[in-house]
């Protein structure tokens, strides 16, 4: 049975209390390092099929992780390499999944887009799309089996390219689509516009989104209400959509502050009403 369909836009005044606690209070994503996984540590992992290559994913175990426990999992795909927003396209530089969890309660896995030839991660677009899909289908169950990931509570997310990947990769076929409890995206959405790669057209995107079968989706963006009004408003039966407009220019004083472009994945690293709304969505979706 399809989940009850909701369509909400949170439009909160950018002035007044609750926008930001200040840069000194921002979350800092743990650096990816080599070594063994441990609570509070983020490590680089190479799958057995890609031994001897530079294809890899990143695994973060939450600070409250203990052997034998069960933990929901956030799977993330990064944005394209885009220097104006400090997006490198690399697994090690993802931020969104850490921002929404705050480093607690969730295992966080950043999956690669596998480059054509299978020797490295692609930092722009999809590389070998089928290899990218297969990598997730093979390695996500492995991570869950080894580290206590709860297969009934898997969420997929991403920023920019990664926001599109949540559907273009995460809903590529029925098998991978069956993994997810829900999805959250930031800046861009599959089918919002057509890009220069196969099956980026809206008709193809809607066929992928149909695999959600009513599950919860948080669409956040600097223009989430436009994504709703110009696209998804006519397809609200596909998922339990929630829309969140995020004023990153105000949150980070762009361009006067340390960041020069509003297209960014760090907005949940700063305390705000918008982060509170996103975390509340995740809490409700988890139930």
Protein backbone atom coordinates (compact mmCIF):
# COMPACT_ATOMS: atom_id res chain seq x y z
CA UNK A 1 0.00 0.00 0.00
CA UNK A 2 1.34 3.40 -0.89
CA UNK A 3 2.34 5.72 1.89
CA UNK A 4 0.11 8.71 2.54
CA UNK A 5 1.15 11.47 0.15
CA UNK A 6 2.28 14.73 1.67
CA UNK A 7 3.47 17.87 -0.03
CA UNK A 8 4.87 20.53 2.26
CA UNK A 9 6.99 23.58 1.65
CA UNK A 10 8.68 25.13 4.65
CA UNK A 11 9.21 28.80 3.84
CA UNK A 12 10.79 30.42 6.86
CA UNK A 13 11.74 34.08 7.06
CA UNK A 14 15.45 34.50 6.62
CA UNK A 15 15.58 37.32 9.13
CA UNK A 16 15.16 36.93 12.88
CA UNK A 17 16.24 34.26 15.32
CA UNK A 18 17.12 30.73 14.30
CA UNK A 19 19.15 31.24 11.14
CA UNK A 20 22.63 30.45 12.33
CA UNK A 21 24.55 29.89 15.50
CA UNK A 22 27.76 31.03 13.87
CA UNK A 23 30.76 29.53 12.14
CA UNK A 24 32.44 28.57 15.39
CA UNK A 25 29.58 26.16 16.10
CA UNK A 26 29.59 24.51 12.66
CA UNK A 27 29.96 20.76 12.34
CA UNK A 28 33.23 19.58 10.84
CA UNK A 29 33.10 16.47 8.66
CA UNK A 30 35.69 13.90 9.78
CA UNK A 31 38.52 13.53 7.30
CA UNK A 32 38.67 10.25 5.40
CA UNK A 33 41.71 8.22 6.42
CA UNK A 34 43.24 4.83 5.86
CA UNK A 35 42.87 2.24 8.58
CA UNK A 36 40.32 0.11 10.37
CA UNK A 37 36.74 1.32 10.94
CA UNK A 38 35.90 2.45 14.48
CA UNK A 39 33.29 4.58 16.21
CA UNK A 40 33.63 8.20 15.15
CA UNK A 41 36.12 7.37 12.41
CA UNK A 42 35.75 7.76 8.64
CA UNK A 43 37.84 5.39 6.54
CA UNK A 44 38.60 4.63 2.91
CA UNK A 45 37.54 1.15 1.77
CA UNK A 46 38.31 -0.73 -1.44
CA UNK A 47 35.96 -3.52 -2.48
CA UNK A 48 37.46 -6.92 -3.28
CA UNK A 49 36.39 -6.59 -6.93
CA UNK A 50 38.43 -3.40 -7.25
CA UNK A 51 41.59 -4.43 -5.41
CA UNK A 52 44.60 -2.74 -6.95
CA UNK A 53 42.56 0.18 -8.32
CA UNK A 54 41.67 3.60 -6.95
CA UNK A 55 37.94 2.83 -6.91
CA UNK A 56 36.78 3.20 -3.31
CA UNK A 57 34.00 4.25 -0.97
CA UNK A 58 34.08 5.94 2.43
CA UNK A 59 32.63 4.40 5.61
CA UNK A 60 31.80 6.35 8.75
CA UNK A 61 30.68 4.63 11.95
CA UNK A 62 28.80 6.91 14.33
CA UNK A 63 30.29 7.96 17.65
CA UNK A 64 27.74 5.76 19.45
CA UNK A 65 28.53 2.67 17.33
CA UNK A 66 29.18 -0.61 19.12
CA UNK A 67 29.78 -4.11 17.74
CA UNK A 68 26.57 -6.12 17.63
CA UNK A 69 24.32 -3.08 17.37
CA UNK A 70 21.95 -2.21 14.54
CA UNK A 71 22.07 1.20 12.91
CA UNK A 72 20.19 2.92 10.11
CA UNK A 73 22.37 3.78 7.14
CA UNK A 74 22.73 6.91 5.02
CA UNK A 75 24.17 6.31 1.55
CA UNK A 76 25.45 9.41 -0.23
CA UNK A 77 26.64 10.37 -3.70
CA UNK A 78 28.70 13.52 -4.17
CA UNK A 79 28.24 16.44 -6.51
CA UNK A 80 30.22 16.92 -9.70
CA UNK A 81 33.59 18.59 -9.53
CA UNK A 82 32.60 22.27 -9.43
CA UNK A 83 35.27 24.58 -7.97
CA UNK A 84 33.00 27.63 -7.37
CA UNK A 85 31.11 25.69 -4.68
CA UNK A 86 34.18 23.82 -3.38
CA UNK A 87 32.74 20.57 -4.75
CA UNK A 88 35.57 18.24 -5.79
CA UNK A 89 33.41 15.31 -6.87
CA UNK A 90 35.48 13.06 -4.61
CA UNK A 91 34.14 10.61 -2.05
CA UNK A 92 36.34 12.10 0.65
CA UNK A 93 34.72 15.52 0.37
CA UNK A 94 31.06 14.59 0.85
CA UNK A 95 29.20 16.40 3.65
CA UNK A 96 25.42 16.07 3.39
CA UNK A 97 24.96 12.75 5.18
CA UNK A 98 27.15 13.83 8.07
CA UNK A 99 25.26 17.10 8.36
CA UNK A 100 21.83 15.53 8.73
CA UNK A 101 22.98 12.91 11.25
CA UNK A 102 25.46 15.04 13.17
CA UNK A 103 27.70 11.99 13.36
CA UNK A 104 25.41 10.05 15.69
CA UNK A 105 22.97 7.20 15.29
CA UNK A 106 23.59 6.49 11.59
CA UNK A 107 26.23 4.63 9.63
CA UNK A 108 27.22 6.86 6.72
CA UNK A 109 28.55 5.44 3.44
CA UNK A 110 29.67 7.57 0.51
CA UNK A 111 29.50 5.48 -2.64
CA UNK A 112 31.57 6.12 -5.78
CA UNK A 113 30.62 6.71 -9.36
CA UNK A 114 32.90 4.17 -11.04
CA UNK A 115 34.86 5.61 -13.96
CA UNK A 116 34.82 3.88 -17.33
CA UNK A 117 37.55 1.23 -17.21
CA UNK A 118 37.05 0.59 -13.50
CA UNK A 119 40.35 2.04 -12.31
CA UNK A 120 39.18 5.12 -10.41
CA UNK A 121 36.19 7.07 -9.19
CA UNK A 122 34.54 9.48 -11.63
CA UNK A 123 34.42 13.05 -10.30
CA UNK A 124 32.04 14.27 -13.03
CA UNK A 125 28.79 12.51 -13.90
CA UNK A 126 28.41 8.76 -13.93
CA UNK A 127 31.43 7.07 -15.46
CA UNK A 128 30.22 3.52 -16.09
CA UNK A 129 26.63 3.79 -14.88
CA UNK A 130 26.00 0.05 -14.63
CA UNK A 131 29.25 -0.48 -12.73
CA UNK A 132 28.20 2.34 -10.38
CA UNK A 133 24.82 0.70 -9.76
CA UNK A 134 26.39 -2.72 -9.28
CA UNK A 135 28.98 -1.34 -6.84
CA UNK A 136 26.22 -0.14 -4.53
CA UNK A 137 24.15 -3.31 -4.90
CA UNK A 138 27.18 -5.43 -3.97
CA UNK A 139 28.83 -3.36 -1.28
CA UNK A 140 25.95 -1.88 0.68
CA UNK A 141 24.75 -5.31 1.90
CA UNK A 142 28.37 -6.16 2.76
CA UNK A 143 28.80 -3.05 4.87
CA UNK A 144 25.52 -3.72 6.64
CA UNK A 145 26.43 -7.35 7.37
CA UNK A 146 29.82 -6.43 8.80
CA UNK A 147 28.98 -3.33 10.77
CA UNK A 148 25.36 -3.73 11.83
CA UNK A 149 23.61 -1.69 9.18
CA UNK A 150 19.84 -2.09 9.36
CA UNK A 151 18.65 -3.26 5.93
CA UNK A 152 15.14 -2.08 6.79
CA UNK A 153 16.34 1.50 7.34
CA UNK A 154 18.51 2.55 4.41
CA UNK A 155 18.34 6.12 3.13
CA UNK A 156 19.91 7.50 -0.05
CA UNK A 157 20.93 11.11 -0.44
CA UNK A 158 23.10 13.48 -2.41
CA UNK A 159 23.96 17.02 -3.40
CA UNK A 160 23.85 18.31 -6.99
CA UNK A 161 25.02 15.34 -9.15
CA UNK A 162 24.37 13.27 -6.03
CA UNK A 163 20.82 14.60 -5.76
CA UNK A 164 20.18 13.31 -9.26
CA UNK A 165 22.04 10.09 -8.45
CA UNK A 166 19.59 9.32 -5.65
CA UNK A 167 17.18 8.43 -8.45
CA UNK A 168 19.36 7.96 -11.55
CA UNK A 169 21.52 5.43 -9.68
CA UNK A 170 19.42 4.59 -6.63
CA UNK A 171 16.28 3.83 -8.65
CA UNK A 172 18.01 2.47 -11.74
CA UNK A 173 16.28 -0.91 -11.44
CA UNK A 174 13.85 -2.68 -9.14
CA UNK A 175 16.59 -4.40 -7.16
CA UNK A 176 18.46 -1.30 -6.05
CA UNK A 177 15.22 0.66 -5.63
CA UNK A 178 14.03 -1.92 -3.10
CA UNK A 179 16.87 -0.97 -0.72
CA UNK A 180 15.58 2.42 0.37
CA UNK A 181 13.39 3.51 3.24
CA UNK A 182 13.53 7.07 1.91
CA UNK A 183 15.48 9.66 -0.03
CA UNK A 184 16.68 13.21 0.51
CA UNK A 185 18.26 15.48 -2.07
CA UNK A 186 19.76 18.95 -2.19
CA UNK A 187 20.00 21.24 -5.24
CA UNK A 188 18.80 19.42 -8.40
CA UNK A 189 16.45 16.52 -8.85
CA UNK A 190 16.18 13.75 -11.43
CA UNK A 191 14.01 14.98 -14.31
CA UNK A 192 14.00 18.61 -13.19
CA UNK A 193 15.86 19.41 -16.42
CA UNK A 194 17.52 17.47 -19.22
CA UNK A 195 21.29 16.96 -19.15
CA UNK A 196 23.81 15.68 -21.67
CA UNK A 197 23.71 12.00 -20.71
CA UNK A 198 21.36 9.15 -21.66
CA UNK A 199 17.88 8.94 -20.12
CA UNK A 200 18.05 12.31 -18.38
CA UNK A 201 14.72 13.28 -19.96
CA UNK A 202 11.67 13.73 -17.76
CA UNK A 203 9.80 10.68 -19.04
CA UNK A 204 12.72 8.41 -18.11
CA UNK A 205 13.10 10.12 -14.74
CA UNK A 206 9.43 9.60 -13.92
CA UNK A 207 9.75 5.90 -14.70
CA UNK A 208 12.57 5.72 -12.15
CA UNK A 209 10.66 7.75 -9.57
CA UNK A 210 7.70 5.39 -9.92
CA UNK A 211 9.88 2.77 -8.21
CA UNK A 212 9.59 4.77 -4.98
CA UNK A 213 6.01 3.53 -4.59
CA UNK A 214 5.02 6.29 -2.20
CA UNK A 215 8.07 6.31 0.07
CA UNK A 216 9.18 9.57 1.76
CA UNK A 217 11.34 12.03 -0.18
CA UNK A 218 12.76 15.30 1.13
CA UNK A 219 13.55 17.71 -1.70
CA UNK A 220 15.70 20.53 -0.35
CA UNK A 221 17.16 23.28 -2.48
CA UNK A 222 17.61 26.99 -2.77
CA UNK A 223 14.58 26.63 -5.06
CA UNK A 224 12.72 23.56 -3.82
CA UNK A 225 9.33 25.22 -4.26
CA UNK A 226 10.16 25.80 -7.94
CA UNK A 227 11.02 22.11 -8.35
CA UNK A 228 7.63 21.38 -6.83
CA UNK A 229 5.63 23.90 -8.85
CA UNK A 230 7.32 23.39 -12.21
CA UNK A 231 7.72 19.61 -12.08
CA UNK A 232 6.66 17.41 -9.22
CA UNK A 233 3.30 18.99 -8.44
CA UNK A 234 1.82 16.87 -11.25
CA UNK A 235 3.40 13.67 -9.95
CA UNK A 236 2.65 13.73 -6.23
CA UNK A 237 1.35 10.17 -6.35
CA UNK A 238 4.89 8.82 -6.87
CA UNK A 239 6.23 9.56 -3.40
CA UNK A 240 5.49 11.25 -0.09
CA UNK A 241 7.20 14.47 -1.08
CA UNK A 242 8.29 17.19 1.32
CA UNK A 243 9.90 20.38 -0.01
CA UNK A 244 12.32 22.59 1.91
CA UNK A 245 13.60 25.92 0.58
CA UNK A 246 17.05 26.61 2.07
CA UNK A 247 18.44 30.20 1.86
CA UNK A 248 22.13 29.31 1.78
CA UNK A 249 23.09 32.87 0.81
CA UNK A 250 21.76 34.14 4.12
CA UNK A 251 22.94 31.20 6.19
CA UNK A 252 26.54 31.71 5.07
CA UNK A 253 26.59 35.43 4.20
CA UNK A 254 27.50 34.65 0.59
CA UNK A 255 29.64 36.14 -0.93
CA UNK A 256 31.00 38.10 2.05
CA UNK A 257 31.61 34.97 4.13
CA UNK A 258 34.05 32.09 3.59
CA UNK A 259 31.88 30.53 0.87
CA UNK A 260 31.39 32.15 -2.54
CA UNK A 261 28.57 30.16 -4.08
CA UNK A 262 25.11 29.23 -2.70
CA UNK A 263 25.20 25.84 -4.47
CA UNK A 264 26.77 23.86 -1.61
CA UNK A 265 26.37 20.77 0.57
CA UNK A 266 27.43 22.27 3.91
CA UNK A 267 24.20 23.97 4.92
CA UNK A 268 23.27 21.28 7.48
CA UNK A 269 26.63 21.77 9.19
CA UNK A 270 25.28 25.04 10.61
CA UNK A 271 22.51 25.22 13.18
CA UNK A 272 19.31 26.65 11.68
CA UNK A 273 15.60 26.06 11.49
CA UNK A 274 16.17 24.44 8.13
CA UNK A 275 18.49 21.81 9.58
CA UNK A 276 15.96 21.20 12.35
CA UNK A 277 13.28 20.59 9.73
CA UNK A 278 15.49 18.19 7.77
CA UNK A 279 16.39 16.22 10.88
CA UNK A 280 12.74 16.07 11.91
CA UNK A 281 11.88 14.70 8.46
CA UNK A 282 14.53 11.99 8.88
CA UNK A 283 13.26 11.12 12.34
CA UNK A 284 9.70 10.72 11.07
CA UNK A 285 10.80 8.75 8.00
CA UNK A 286 12.80 6.41 10.23
CA UNK A 287 9.69 5.54 12.21
